[in-house]
Amino acid sequence: MAVNVDINSLNAMYKTTSVPQNGYATNPVKKQGEENDGFGAVLNSVVNMVGETNTLQNKASAEEVKFALGESDNTHDLLVAEQKATVALQYTVAVRDKFLEAYKELMNMQI
């Protein structure tokens, strides 16, 4: 299943830097006291992204439970929470797949 997702909206969701047209981030956001050491920064970003995805999944589950118990009759909030969780999960899976692809390519390199 192909998913066409706007990268700028995903960046806004995960509060990352905007990606220029060439696809490379030129000015990554540094937190106070954090150095930009390349792979470590990317790995920290991915770990944060997984945490945010988990949070969105939990919020969607909570909305489902509230709706099922009759505590909420607002289907809009339920659908928005579920859609956010779905998009975040798809984005996380896509990033994971790219990391695995890069890892396999590195393992196949001959020295």
PDB file of N, CA and C in Angstrom:
ATOM      1  N   MET A   1       0.845  -1.163   0.000  1.00  0.00           N
ATOM      2  CA  MET A   1       0.000   0.000   0.000  1.00  0.00           C
ATOM      3  C   MET A   1       0.896   1.234   0.000  1.00  0.00           C
ATOM      4  N   ALA A   2       0.778   2.044  -1.004  1.00  0.00           N
ATOM      5  CA  ALA A   2       1.567   3.262  -1.125  1.00  0.00           C
ATOM      6  C   ALA A   2       0.865   4.390  -0.380  1.00  0.00           C
ATOM      7  N   VAL A   3       1.631   5.119   0.392  1.00  0.00           N
ATOM      8  CA  VAL A   3       1.092   6.226   1.163  1.00  0.00           C
ATOM      9  C   VAL A   3       1.765   7.496   0.687  1.00  0.00           C
ATOM     10  N   ASN A   4       0.960   8.454   0.265  1.00  0.00           N
ATOM     11  CA  ASN A   4       1.489   9.731  -0.184  1.00  0.00           C
ATOM     12  C   ASN A   4       1.306  10.725   0.951  1.00  0.00           C
ATOM     13  N   VAL A   5       2.399  11.062   1.638  1.00  0.00           N
ATOM     14  CA  VAL A   5       2.340  11.910   2.816  1.00  0.00           C
ATOM     15  C   VAL A   5       3.224  13.129   2.588  1.00  0.00           C
ATOM     16  N   ASP A   6       2.724  14.290   2.950  1.00  0.00           N
ATOM     17  CA  ASP A   6       3.484  15.522   2.835  1.00  0.00           C
ATOM     18  C   ASP A   6       4.505  15.584   3.963  1.00  0.00           C
ATOM     19  N   ILE A   7       5.791  15.667   3.612  1.00  0.00           N
ATOM     20  CA  ILE A   7       6.862  15.629   4.603  1.00  0.00           C
ATOM     21  C   ILE A   7       6.822  16.835   5.534  1.00  0.00           C
ATOM     22  N   ASN A   8       6.385  17.986   5.046  1.00  0.00           N
ATOM     23  CA  ASN A   8       6.331  19.173   5.906  1.00  0.00           C
ATOM     24  C   ASN A   8       5.284  19.022   6.996  1.00  0.00           C
ATOM     25  N   SER A   9       4.151  18.381   6.693  1.00  0.00           N
ATOM     26  CA  SER A   9       3.149  18.175   7.734  1.00  0.00           C
ATOM     27  C   SER A   9       3.644  17.172   8.770  1.00  0.00           C
ATOM     28  N   LEU A  10       4.412  16.176   8.329  1.00  0.00           N
ATOM     29  CA  LEU A  10       4.989  15.225   9.274  1.00  0.00           C
ATOM     30  C   LEU A  10       6.046  15.905  10.137  1.00  0.00           C
ATOM     31  N   ASN A  11       6.842  16.774   9.538  1.00  0.00           N
ATOM     32  CA  ASN A  11       7.835  17.501  10.313  1.00  0.00           C
ATOM     33  C   ASN A  11       7.167  18.371  11.359  1.00  0.00           C
ATOM     34  N   ALA A  12       6.050  18.988  11.007  1.00  0.00           N
ATOM     35  CA  ALA A  12       5.323  19.810  11.969  1.00  0.00           C
ATOM     36  C   ALA A  12       4.781  18.943  13.099  1.00  0.00           C
ATOM     37  N   MET A  13       4.348  17.731  12.743  1.00  0.00           N
ATOM     38  CA  MET A  13       3.811  16.818  13.743  1.00  0.00           C
ATOM     39  C   MET A  13       4.898  16.413  14.738  1.00  0.00           C
ATOM     40  N   TYR A  14       6.098  16.159  14.240  1.00  0.00           N
ATOM     41  CA  TYR A  14       7.191  15.707  15.094  1.00  0.00           C
ATOM     42  C   TYR A  14       8.143  16.832  15.493  1.00  0.00           C
ATOM     43  N   LYS A  15       7.795  18.064  15.150  1.00  0.00           N
ATOM     44  CA  LYS A  15       8.558  19.252  15.527  1.00  0.00           C
ATOM     45  C   LYS A  15      10.021  19.136  15.107  1.00  0.00           C
ATOM     46  N   THR A  16      10.252  18.692  13.887  1.00  0.00           N
ATOM     47  CA  THR A  16      11.612  18.611  13.373  1.00  0.00           C
ATOM     48  C   THR A  16      11.851  19.773  12.428  1.00  0.00           C
ATOM     49  N   THR A  17      13.029  19.810  11.828  1.00  0.00           N
ATOM     50  CA  THR A  17      13.341  20.889  10.905  1.00  0.00           C
ATOM     51  C   THR A  17      12.669  20.627   9.573  1.00  0.00           C
ATOM     52  N   SER A  18      12.524  21.682   8.792  1.00  0.00           N
ATOM     53  CA  SER A  18      11.958  21.503   7.459  1.00  0.00           C
ATOM     54  C   SER A  18      13.027  20.939   6.537  1.00  0.00           C
ATOM     55  N   VAL A  19      12.600  20.121   5.610  1.00  0.00           N
ATOM     56  CA  VAL A  19      13.515  19.478   4.684  1.00  0.00           C
ATOM     57  C   VAL A  19      13.480  20.231   3.364  1.00  0.00           C
ATOM     58  N   PRO A  20      14.641  20.718   2.887  1.00  0.00           N
ATOM     59  CA  PRO A  20      14.661  21.422   1.607  1.00  0.00           C
ATOM     60  C   PRO A  20      14.363  20.478   0.453  1.00  0.00           C
ATOM     61  N   GLN A  21      14.219  21.039  -0.721  1.00  0.00           N
ATOM     62  CA  GLN A  21      13.837  20.256  -1.897  1.00  0.00           C
ATOM     63  C   GLN A  21      14.836  19.161  -2.239  1.00  0.00           C
ATOM     64  N   ASN A  22      16.112  19.326  -1.893  1.00  0.00           N
ATOM     65  CA  ASN A  22      17.088  18.293  -2.208  1.00  0.00           C
ATOM     66  C   ASN A  22      16.995  17.104  -1.259  1.00  0.00           C
ATOM     67  N   GLY A  23      16.187  17.207  -0.201  1.00  0.00           N
ATOM     68  CA  GLY A  23      15.950  16.082   0.689  1.00  0.00           C
ATOM     69  C   GLY A  23      16.875  16.003   1.885  1.00  0.00           C
ATOM     70  N   TYR A  24      17.795  16.950   2.044  1.00  0.00           N
ATOM     71  CA  TYR A  24      18.738  16.904   3.151  1.00  0.00           C
ATOM     72  C   TYR A  24      18.473  18.062   4.105  1.00  0.00           C
ATOM     73  N   ALA A  25      18.370  17.747   5.372  1.00  0.00           N
ATOM     74  CA  ALA A  25      18.191  18.794   6.370  1.00  0.00           C
ATOM     75  C   ALA A  25      19.507  19.529   6.539  1.00  0.00           C
ATOM     76  N   THR A  26      19.462  20.849   6.493  1.00  0.00           N
ATOM     77  CA  THR A  26      20.695  21.623   6.565  1.00  0.00           C
ATOM     78  C   THR A  26      20.922  22.241   7.930  1.00  0.00           C
ATOM     79  N   ASN A  27      19.881  22.399   8.716  1.00  0.00           N
ATOM     80  CA  ASN A  27      20.029  23.052  10.005  1.00  0.00           C
ATOM     81  C   ASN A  27      19.203  22.301  11.046  1.00  0.00           C
ATOM     82  N   PRO A  28      19.689  21.153  11.541  1.00  0.00           N
ATOM     83  CA  PRO A  28      18.903  20.408  12.516  1.00  0.00           C
ATOM     84  C   PRO A  28      18.753  21.169  13.829  1.00  0.00           C
ATOM     85  N   VAL A  29      17.643  20.962  14.486  1.00  0.00           N
ATOM     86  CA  VAL A  29      17.361  21.637  15.738  1.00  0.00           C
ATOM     87  C   VAL A  29      18.180  20.970  16.844  1.00  0.00           C
ATOM     88  N   LYS A  30      18.902  21.796  17.610  1.00  0.00           N
ATOM     89  CA  LYS A  30      19.682  21.282  18.731  1.00  0.00           C
ATOM     90  C   LYS A  30      18.982  21.657  20.023  1.00  0.00           C
ATOM     91  N   LYS A  31      18.857  20.688  20.914  1.00  0.00           N
ATOM     92  CA  LYS A  31      18.327  20.984  22.230  1.00  0.00           C
ATOM     93  C   LYS A  31      19.468  21.529  23.080  1.00  0.00           C
ATOM     94  N   GLN A  32      19.123  22.194  24.152  1.00  0.00           N
ATOM     95  CA  GLN A  32      20.141  22.806  24.988  1.00  0.00           C
ATOM     96  C   GLN A  32      21.035  21.718  25.581  1.00  0.00           C
ATOM     97  N   GLY A  33      22.342  21.864  25.413  1.00  0.00           N
ATOM     98  CA  GLY A  33      23.296  20.906  25.943  1.00  0.00           C
ATOM     99  C   GLY A  33      23.500  19.686  25.068  1.00  0.00           C
ATOM    100  N   GLU A  34      22.898  19.655  23.900  1.00  0.00           N
ATOM    101  CA  GLU A  34      23.008  18.495  23.022  1.00  0.00           C
ATOM    102  C   GLU A  34      23.873  18.852  21.820  1.00  0.00           C
ATOM    103  N   GLU A  35      24.822  17.974  21.523  1.00  0.00           N
ATOM    104  CA  GLU A  35      25.668  18.196  20.364  1.00  0.00           C
ATOM    105  C   GLU A  35      25.094  17.452  19.169  1.00  0.00           C
ATOM    106  N   ASN A  36      25.367  17.964  17.986  1.00  0.00           N
ATOM    107  CA  ASN A  36      24.930  17.311  16.761  1.00  0.00           C
ATOM    108  C   ASN A  36      26.055  16.401  16.295  1.00  0.00           C
ATOM    109  N   ASP A  37      25.966  15.113  16.621  1.00  0.00           N
ATOM    110  CA  ASP A  37      27.032  14.195  16.266  1.00  0.00           C
ATOM    111  C   ASP A  37      26.616  13.238  15.144  1.00  0.00           C
ATOM    112  N   GLY A  38      25.754  13.690  14.256  1.00  0.00           N
ATOM    113  CA  GLY A  38      25.395  12.894  13.089  1.00  0.00           C
ATOM    114  C   GLY A  38      24.454  11.754  13.420  1.00  0.00           C
ATOM    115  N   PHE A  39      24.993  10.547  13.445  1.00  0.00           N
ATOM    116  CA  PHE A  39      24.158   9.369  13.638  1.00  0.00           C
ATOM    117  C   PHE A  39      23.466   9.374  14.995  1.00  0.00           C
ATOM    118  N   GLY A  40      24.164   9.840  16.027  1.00  0.00           N
ATOM    119  CA  GLY A  40      23.560   9.899  17.358  1.00  0.00           C
ATOM    120  C   GLY A  40      22.347  10.807  17.385  1.00  0.00           C
ATOM    121  N   ALA A  41      22.433  11.927  16.692  1.00  0.00           N
ATOM    122  CA  ALA A  41      21.306  12.854  16.635  1.00  0.00           C
ATOM    123  C   ALA A  41      20.127  12.231  15.898  1.00  0.00           C
ATOM    124  N   VAL A  42      20.441  11.526  14.814  1.00  0.00           N
ATOM    125  CA  VAL A  42      19.381  10.857  14.053  1.00  0.00           C
ATOM    126  C   VAL A  42      18.741   9.766  14.901  1.00  0.00           C
ATOM    127  N   LEU A  43      19.559   9.007  15.608  1.00  0.00           N
ATOM    128  CA  LEU A  43      19.041   7.930  16.451  1.00  0.00           C
ATOM    129  C   LEU A  43      18.161   8.488  17.568  1.00  0.00           C
ATOM    130  N   ASN A  44      18.598   9.591  18.189  1.00  0.00           N
ATOM    131  CA  ASN A  44      17.771  10.219  19.220  1.00  0.00           C
ATOM    132  C   ASN A  44      16.445  10.708  18.651  1.00  0.00           C
ATOM    133  N   SER A  45      16.485  11.247  17.452  1.00  0.00           N
ATOM    134  CA  SER A  45      15.264  11.706  16.797  1.00  0.00           C
ATOM    135  C   SER A  45      14.304  10.549  16.546  1.00  0.00           C
ATOM    136  N   VAL A  46      14.847   9.423  16.125  1.00  0.00           N
ATOM    137  CA  VAL A  46      14.009   8.245  15.862  1.00  0.00           C
ATOM    138  C   VAL A  46      13.410   7.715  17.162  1.00  0.00           C
ATOM    139  N   VAL A  47      14.198   7.684  18.224  1.00  0.00           N
ATOM    140  CA  VAL A  47      13.687   7.217  19.516  1.00  0.00           C
ATOM    141  C   VAL A  47      12.558   8.134  19.995  1.00  0.00           C
ATOM    142  N   ASN A  48      12.747   9.448  19.835  1.00  0.00           N
ATOM    143  CA  ASN A  48      11.690  10.395  20.207  1.00  0.00           C
ATOM    144  C   ASN A  48      10.445  10.189  19.355  1.00  0.00           C
ATOM    145  N   MET A  49      10.647   9.915  18.066  1.00  0.00           N
ATOM    146  CA  MET A  49       9.527   9.696  17.164  1.00  0.00           C
ATOM    147  C   MET A  49       8.730   8.453  17.584  1.00  0.00           C
ATOM    148  N   VAL A  50       9.429   7.402  17.985  1.00  0.00           N
ATOM    149  CA  VAL A  50       8.746   6.187  18.435  1.00  0.00           C
ATOM    150  C   VAL A  50       7.942   6.478  19.696  1.00  0.00           C
ATOM    151  N   GLY A  51       8.501   7.268  20.590  1.00  0.00           N
ATOM    152  CA  GLY A  51       7.780   7.641  21.805  1.00  0.00           C
ATOM    153  C   GLY A  51       6.524   8.447  21.500  1.00  0.00           C
ATOM    154  N   GLU A  52       6.637   9.389  20.572  1.00  0.00           N
ATOM    155  CA  GLU A  52       5.471  10.187  20.191  1.00  0.00           C
ATOM    156  C   GLU A  52       4.422   9.327  19.491  1.00  0.00           C
ATOM    157  N   THR A  53       4.870   8.378  18.681  1.00  0.00           N
ATOM    158  CA  THR A  53       3.930   7.470  18.019  1.00  0.00           C
ATOM    159  C   THR A  53       3.183   6.651  19.055  1.00  0.00           C
ATOM    160  N   ASN A  54       3.894   6.171  20.060  1.00  0.00           N
ATOM    161  CA  ASN A  54       3.260   5.411  21.132  1.00  0.00           C
ATOM    162  C   ASN A  54       2.238   6.262  21.879  1.00  0.00           C
ATOM    163  N   THR A  55       2.579   7.513  22.131  1.00  0.00           N
ATOM    164  CA  THR A  55       1.648   8.420  22.807  1.00  0.00           C
ATOM    165  C   THR A  55       0.386   8.630  21.980  1.00  0.00           C
ATOM    166  N   LEU A  56       0.543   8.821  20.684  1.00  0.00           N
ATOM    167  CA  LEU A  56      -0.624   9.009  19.810  1.00  0.00           C
ATOM    168  C   LEU A  56      -1.477   7.744  19.756  1.00  0.00           C
ATOM    169  N   GLN A  57      -0.836   6.573  19.742  1.00  0.00           N
ATOM    170  CA  GLN A  57      -1.580   5.314  19.758  1.00  0.00           C
ATOM    171  C   GLN A  57      -2.380   5.188  21.059  1.00  0.00           C
ATOM    172  N   ASN A  58      -1.766   5.551  22.187  1.00  0.00           N
ATOM    173  CA  ASN A  58      -2.463   5.481  23.471  1.00  0.00           C
ATOM    174  C   ASN A  58      -3.636   6.454  23.535  1.00  0.00           C
ATOM    175  N   LYS A  59      -3.458   7.658  22.975  1.00  0.00           N
ATOM    176  CA  LYS A  59      -4.559   8.628  22.953  1.00  0.00           C
ATOM    177  C   LYS A  59      -5.723   8.109  22.104  1.00  0.00           C
ATOM    178  N   ALA A  60      -5.407   7.485  20.978  1.00  0.00           N
ATOM    179  CA  ALA A  60      -6.458   6.929  20.119  1.00  0.00           C
ATOM    180  C   ALA A  60      -7.205   5.811  20.835  1.00  0.00           C
ATOM    181  N   SER A  61      -6.462   4.969  21.538  1.00  0.00           N
ATOM    182  CA  SER A  61      -7.106   3.886  22.294  1.00  0.00           C
ATOM    183  C   SER A  61      -8.003   4.444  23.397  1.00  0.00           C
ATOM    184  N   ALA A  62      -7.543   5.490  24.064  1.00  0.00           N
ATOM    185  CA  ALA A  62      -8.343   6.107  25.122  1.00  0.00           C
ATOM    186  C   ALA A  62      -9.630   6.702  24.551  1.00  0.00           C
ATOM    187  N   GLU A  63      -9.526   7.340  23.378  1.00  0.00           N
ATOM    188  CA  GLU A  63     -10.725   7.890  22.730  1.00  0.00           C
ATOM    189  C   GLU A  63     -11.699   6.781  22.346  1.00  0.00           C
ATOM    190  N   GLU A  64     -11.176   5.656  21.868  1.00  0.00           N
ATOM    191  CA  GLU A  64     -12.040   4.521  21.510  1.00  0.00           C
ATOM    192  C   GLU A  64     -12.784   4.003  22.734  1.00  0.00           C
ATOM    193  N   VAL A  65     -12.074   3.883  23.855  1.00  0.00           N
ATOM    194  CA  VAL A  65     -12.694   3.387  25.084  1.00  0.00           C
ATOM    195  C   VAL A  65     -13.763   4.361  25.564  1.00  0.00           C
ATOM    196  N   LYS A  66     -13.460   5.666  25.557  1.00  0.00           N
ATOM    197  CA  LYS A  66     -14.450   6.660  25.976  1.00  0.00           C
ATOM    198  C   LYS A  66     -15.689   6.604  25.096  1.00  0.00           C
ATOM    199  N   PHE A  67     -15.489   6.434  23.790  1.00  0.00           N
ATOM    200  CA  PHE A  67     -16.630   6.367  22.879  1.00  0.00           C
ATOM    201  C   PHE A  67     -17.438   5.086  23.115  1.00  0.00           C
ATOM    202  N   ALA A  68     -16.737   3.971  23.320  1.00  0.00           N
ATOM    203  CA  ALA A  68     -17.423   2.694  23.533  1.00  0.00           C
ATOM    204  C   ALA A  68     -18.210   2.680  24.837  1.00  0.00           C
ATOM    205  N   LEU A  69     -17.709   3.368  25.860  1.00  0.00           N
ATOM    206  CA  LEU A  69     -18.404   3.409  27.142  1.00  0.00           C
ATOM    207  C   LEU A  69     -19.510   4.458  27.183  1.00  0.00           C
ATOM    208  N   GLY A  70     -19.631   5.247  26.127  1.00  0.00           N
ATOM    209  CA  GLY A  70     -20.665   6.265  26.066  1.00  0.00           C
ATOM    210  C   GLY A  70     -20.285   7.550  26.767  1.00  0.00           C
ATOM    211  N   GLU A  71     -19.045   7.679  27.191  1.00  0.00           N
ATOM    212  CA  GLU A  71     -18.602   8.895  27.864  1.00  0.00           C
ATOM    213  C   GLU A  71     -18.416  10.046  26.883  1.00  0.00           C
ATOM    214  N   SER A  72     -18.273   9.704  25.606  1.00  0.00           N
ATOM    215  CA  SER A  72     -18.096  10.718  24.577  1.00  0.00           C
ATOM    216  C   SER A  72     -18.959  10.355  23.381  1.00  0.00           C
ATOM    217  N   ASP A  73     -19.630  11.339  22.815  1.00  0.00           N
ATOM    218  CA  ASP A  73     -20.409  11.082  21.611  1.00  0.00           C
ATOM    219  C   ASP A  73     -19.842  11.867  20.429  1.00  0.00           C
ATOM    220  N   ASN A  74     -18.643  12.410  20.609  1.00  0.00           N
ATOM    221  CA  ASN A  74     -17.995  13.205  19.579  1.00  0.00           C
ATOM    222  C   ASN A  74     -17.146  12.287  18.695  1.00  0.00           C
ATOM    223  N   THR A  75     -17.687  11.931  17.540  1.00  0.00           N
ATOM    224  CA  THR A  75     -16.951  11.042  16.629  1.00  0.00           C
ATOM    225  C   THR A  75     -15.787  11.762  15.955  1.00  0.00           C
ATOM    226  N   HIS A  76     -15.866  13.088  15.891  1.00  0.00           N
ATOM    227  CA  HIS A  76     -14.788  13.858  15.261  1.00  0.00           C
ATOM    228  C   HIS A  76     -13.469  13.661  16.016  1.00  0.00           C
ATOM    229  N   ASP A  77     -13.498  13.805  17.347  1.00  0.00           N
ATOM    230  CA  ASP A  77     -12.286  13.626  18.145  1.00  0.00           C
ATOM    231  C   ASP A  77     -11.746  12.209  18.018  1.00  0.00           C
ATOM    232  N   LEU A  78     -12.638  11.245  17.971  1.00  0.00           N
ATOM    233  CA  LEU A  78     -12.235   9.843  17.818  1.00  0.00           C
ATOM    234  C   LEU A  78     -11.529   9.627  16.489  1.00  0.00           C
ATOM    235  N   LEU A  79     -12.106  10.113  15.418  1.00  0.00           N
ATOM    236  CA  LEU A  79     -11.511   9.919  14.098  1.00  0.00           C
ATOM    237  C   LEU A  79     -10.198  10.680  13.933  1.00  0.00           C
ATOM    238  N   VAL A  80     -10.123  11.881  14.499  1.00  0.00           N
ATOM    239  CA  VAL A  80      -8.880  12.657  14.417  1.00  0.00           C
ATOM    240  C   VAL A  80      -7.767  11.931  15.169  1.00  0.00           C
ATOM    241  N   ALA A  81      -8.055  11.446  16.365  1.00  0.00           N
ATOM    242  CA  ALA A  81      -7.046  10.728  17.151  1.00  0.00           C
ATOM    243  C   ALA A  81      -6.590   9.465  16.422  1.00  0.00           C
ATOM    244  N   GLU A  82      -7.540   8.735  15.834  1.00  0.00           N
ATOM    245  CA  GLU A  82      -7.175   7.522  15.110  1.00  0.00           C
ATOM    246  C   GLU A  82      -6.358   7.837  13.859  1.00  0.00           C
ATOM    247  N   GLN A  83      -6.697   8.898  13.162  1.00  0.00           N
ATOM    248  CA  GLN A  83      -5.959   9.256  11.952  1.00  0.00           C
ATOM    249  C   GLN A  83      -4.542   9.703  12.291  1.00  0.00           C
ATOM    250  N   LYS A  84      -4.380  10.495  13.349  1.00  0.00           N
ATOM    251  CA  LYS A  84      -3.042  10.910  13.776  1.00  0.00           C
ATOM    252  C   LYS A  84      -2.193   9.693  14.128  1.00  0.00           C
ATOM    253  N   ALA A  85      -2.789   8.753  14.850  1.00  0.00           N
ATOM    254  CA  ALA A  85      -2.055   7.551  15.246  1.00  0.00           C
ATOM    255  C   ALA A  85      -1.677   6.721  14.027  1.00  0.00           C
ATOM    256  N   THR A  86      -2.573   6.617  13.063  1.00  0.00           N
ATOM    257  CA  THR A  86      -2.304   5.843  11.854  1.00  0.00           C
ATOM    258  C   THR A  86      -1.176   6.462  11.034  1.00  0.00           C
ATOM    259  N   VAL A  87      -1.231   7.770  10.845  1.00  0.00           N
ATOM    260  CA  VAL A  87      -0.190   8.453  10.061  1.00  0.00           C
ATOM    261  C   VAL A  87       1.155   8.348  10.775  1.00  0.00           C
ATOM    262  N   ALA A  88       1.168   8.535  12.087  1.00  0.00           N
ATOM    263  CA  ALA A  88       2.416   8.438  12.845  1.00  0.00           C
ATOM    264  C   ALA A  88       2.999   7.031  12.748  1.00  0.00           C
ATOM    265  N   LEU A  89       2.145   6.020  12.824  1.00  0.00           N
ATOM    266  CA  LEU A  89       2.624   4.639  12.723  1.00  0.00           C
ATOM    267  C   LEU A  89       3.165   4.350  11.327  1.00  0.00           C
ATOM    268  N   GLN A  90       2.482   4.826  10.301  1.00  0.00           N
ATOM    269  CA  GLN A  90       2.965   4.613   8.932  1.00  0.00           C
ATOM    270  C   GLN A  90       4.313   5.294   8.721  1.00  0.00           C
ATOM    271  N   TYR A  91       4.467   6.491   9.248  1.00  0.00           N
ATOM    272  CA  TYR A  91       5.724   7.221   9.122  1.00  0.00           C
ATOM    273  C   TYR A  91       6.844   6.494   9.870  1.00  0.00           C
ATOM    274  N   THR A  92       6.542   6.017  11.074  1.00  0.00           N
ATOM    275  CA  THR A  92       7.530   5.283  11.870  1.00  0.00           C
ATOM    276  C   THR A  92       7.955   4.004  11.173  1.00  0.00           C
ATOM    277  N   VAL A  93       7.013   3.284  10.599  1.00  0.00           N
ATOM    278  CA  VAL A  93       7.337   2.052   9.872  1.00  0.00           C
ATOM    279  C   VAL A  93       8.179   2.367   8.640  1.00  0.00           C
ATOM    280  N   ALA A  94       7.876   3.454   7.950  1.00  0.00           N
ATOM    281  CA  ALA A  94       8.659   3.834   6.772  1.00  0.00           C
ATOM    282  C   ALA A  94      10.097   4.171   7.160  1.00  0.00           C
ATOM    283  N   VAL A  95      10.283   4.877   8.269  1.00  0.00           N
ATOM    284  CA  VAL A  95      11.629   5.203   8.744  1.00  0.00           C
ATOM    285  C   VAL A  95      12.361   3.929   9.140  1.00  0.00           C
ATOM    286  N   ARG A  96      11.683   3.034   9.839  1.00  0.00           N
ATOM    287  CA  ARG A  96      12.298   1.759  10.218  1.00  0.00           C
ATOM    288  C   ARG A  96      12.745   0.974   8.996  1.00  0.00           C
ATOM    289  N   ASP A  97      11.886   0.926   7.980  1.00  0.00           N
ATOM    290  CA  ASP A  97      12.226   0.199   6.758  1.00  0.00           C
ATOM    291  C   ASP A  97      13.459   0.791   6.078  1.00  0.00           C
ATOM    292  N   LYS A  98      13.563   2.112   6.061  1.00  0.00           N
ATOM    293  CA  LYS A  98      14.735   2.762   5.459  1.00  0.00           C
ATOM    294  C   LYS A  98      15.995   2.469   6.259  1.00  0.00           C
ATOM    295  N   PHE A  99      15.892   2.454   7.594  1.00  0.00           N
ATOM    296  CA  PHE A  99      17.053   2.109   8.412  1.00  0.00           C
ATOM    297  C   PHE A  99      17.494   0.671   8.161  1.00  0.00           C
ATOM    298  N   LEU A 100      16.540  -0.238   8.067  1.00  0.00           N
ATOM    299  CA  LEU A 100      16.887  -1.634   7.794  1.00  0.00           C
ATOM    300  C   LEU A 100      17.515  -1.782   6.414  1.00  0.00           C
ATOM    301  N   GLU A 101      16.988  -1.053   5.446  1.00  0.00           N
ATOM    302  CA  GLU A 101      17.550  -1.095   4.098  1.00  0.00           C
ATOM    303  C   GLU A 101      18.991  -0.581   4.097  1.00  0.00           C
ATOM    304  N   ALA A 102      19.231   0.507   4.818  1.00  0.00           N
ATOM    305  CA  ALA A 102      20.586   1.064   4.897  1.00  0.00           C
ATOM    306  C   ALA A 102      21.522   0.106   5.631  1.00  0.00           C
ATOM    307  N   TYR A 103      21.033  -0.521   6.696  1.00  0.00           N
ATOM    308  CA  TYR A 103      21.839  -1.486   7.442  1.00  0.00           C
ATOM    309  C   TYR A 103      22.228  -2.666   6.559  1.00  0.00           C
ATOM    310  N   LYS A 104      21.271  -3.188   5.814  1.00  0.00           N
ATOM    311  CA  LYS A 104      21.565  -4.315   4.925  1.00  0.00           C
ATOM    312  C   LYS A 104      22.576  -3.923   3.858  1.00  0.00           C
ATOM    313  N   GLU A 105      22.449  -2.696   3.351  1.00  0.00           N
ATOM    314  CA  GLU A 105      23.394  -2.235   2.343  1.00  0.00           C
ATOM    315  C   GLU A 105      24.803  -2.115   2.927  1.00  0.00           C
ATOM    316  N   LEU A 106      24.903  -1.630   4.165  1.00  0.00           N
ATOM    317  CA  LEU A 106      26.211  -1.540   4.827  1.00  0.00           C
ATOM    318  C   LEU A 106      26.800  -2.926   5.070  1.00  0.00           C
ATOM    319  N   MET A 107      25.969  -3.867   5.430  1.00  0.00           N
ATOM    320  CA  MET A 107      26.469  -5.223   5.696  1.00  0.00           C
ATOM    321  C   MET A 107      26.939  -5.923   4.417  1.00  0.00           C
ATOM    322  N   ASN A 108      26.388  -5.533   3.289  1.00  0.00           N
ATOM    323  CA  ASN A 108      26.769  -6.147   2.011  1.00  0.00           C
ATOM    324  C   ASN A 108      27.982  -5.467   1.390  1.00  0.00           C
ATOM    325  N   MET A 109      28.466  -4.368   1.967  1.00  0.00           N
ATOM    326  CA  MET A 109      29.638  -3.694   1.407  1.00  0.00           C
ATOM    327  C   MET A 109      30.890  -4.526   1.669  1.00  0.00           C
ATOM    328  N   GLN A 110      31.740  -4.552   0.674  1.00  0.00           N
ATOM    329  CA  GLN A 110      32.985  -5.276   0.836  1.00  0.00           C
ATOM    330  C   GLN A 110      34.106  -4.298   1.155  1.00  0.00           C
ATOM    331  N   ILE A 111      34.936  -4.686   2.060  1.00  0.00           N
ATOM    332  CA  ILE A 111      36.011  -3.799   2.498  1.00  0.00           C
ATOM    333  C   ILE A 111      37.298  -4.147   1.764  1.00  0.00           C
TER     334      ILE A 111
END
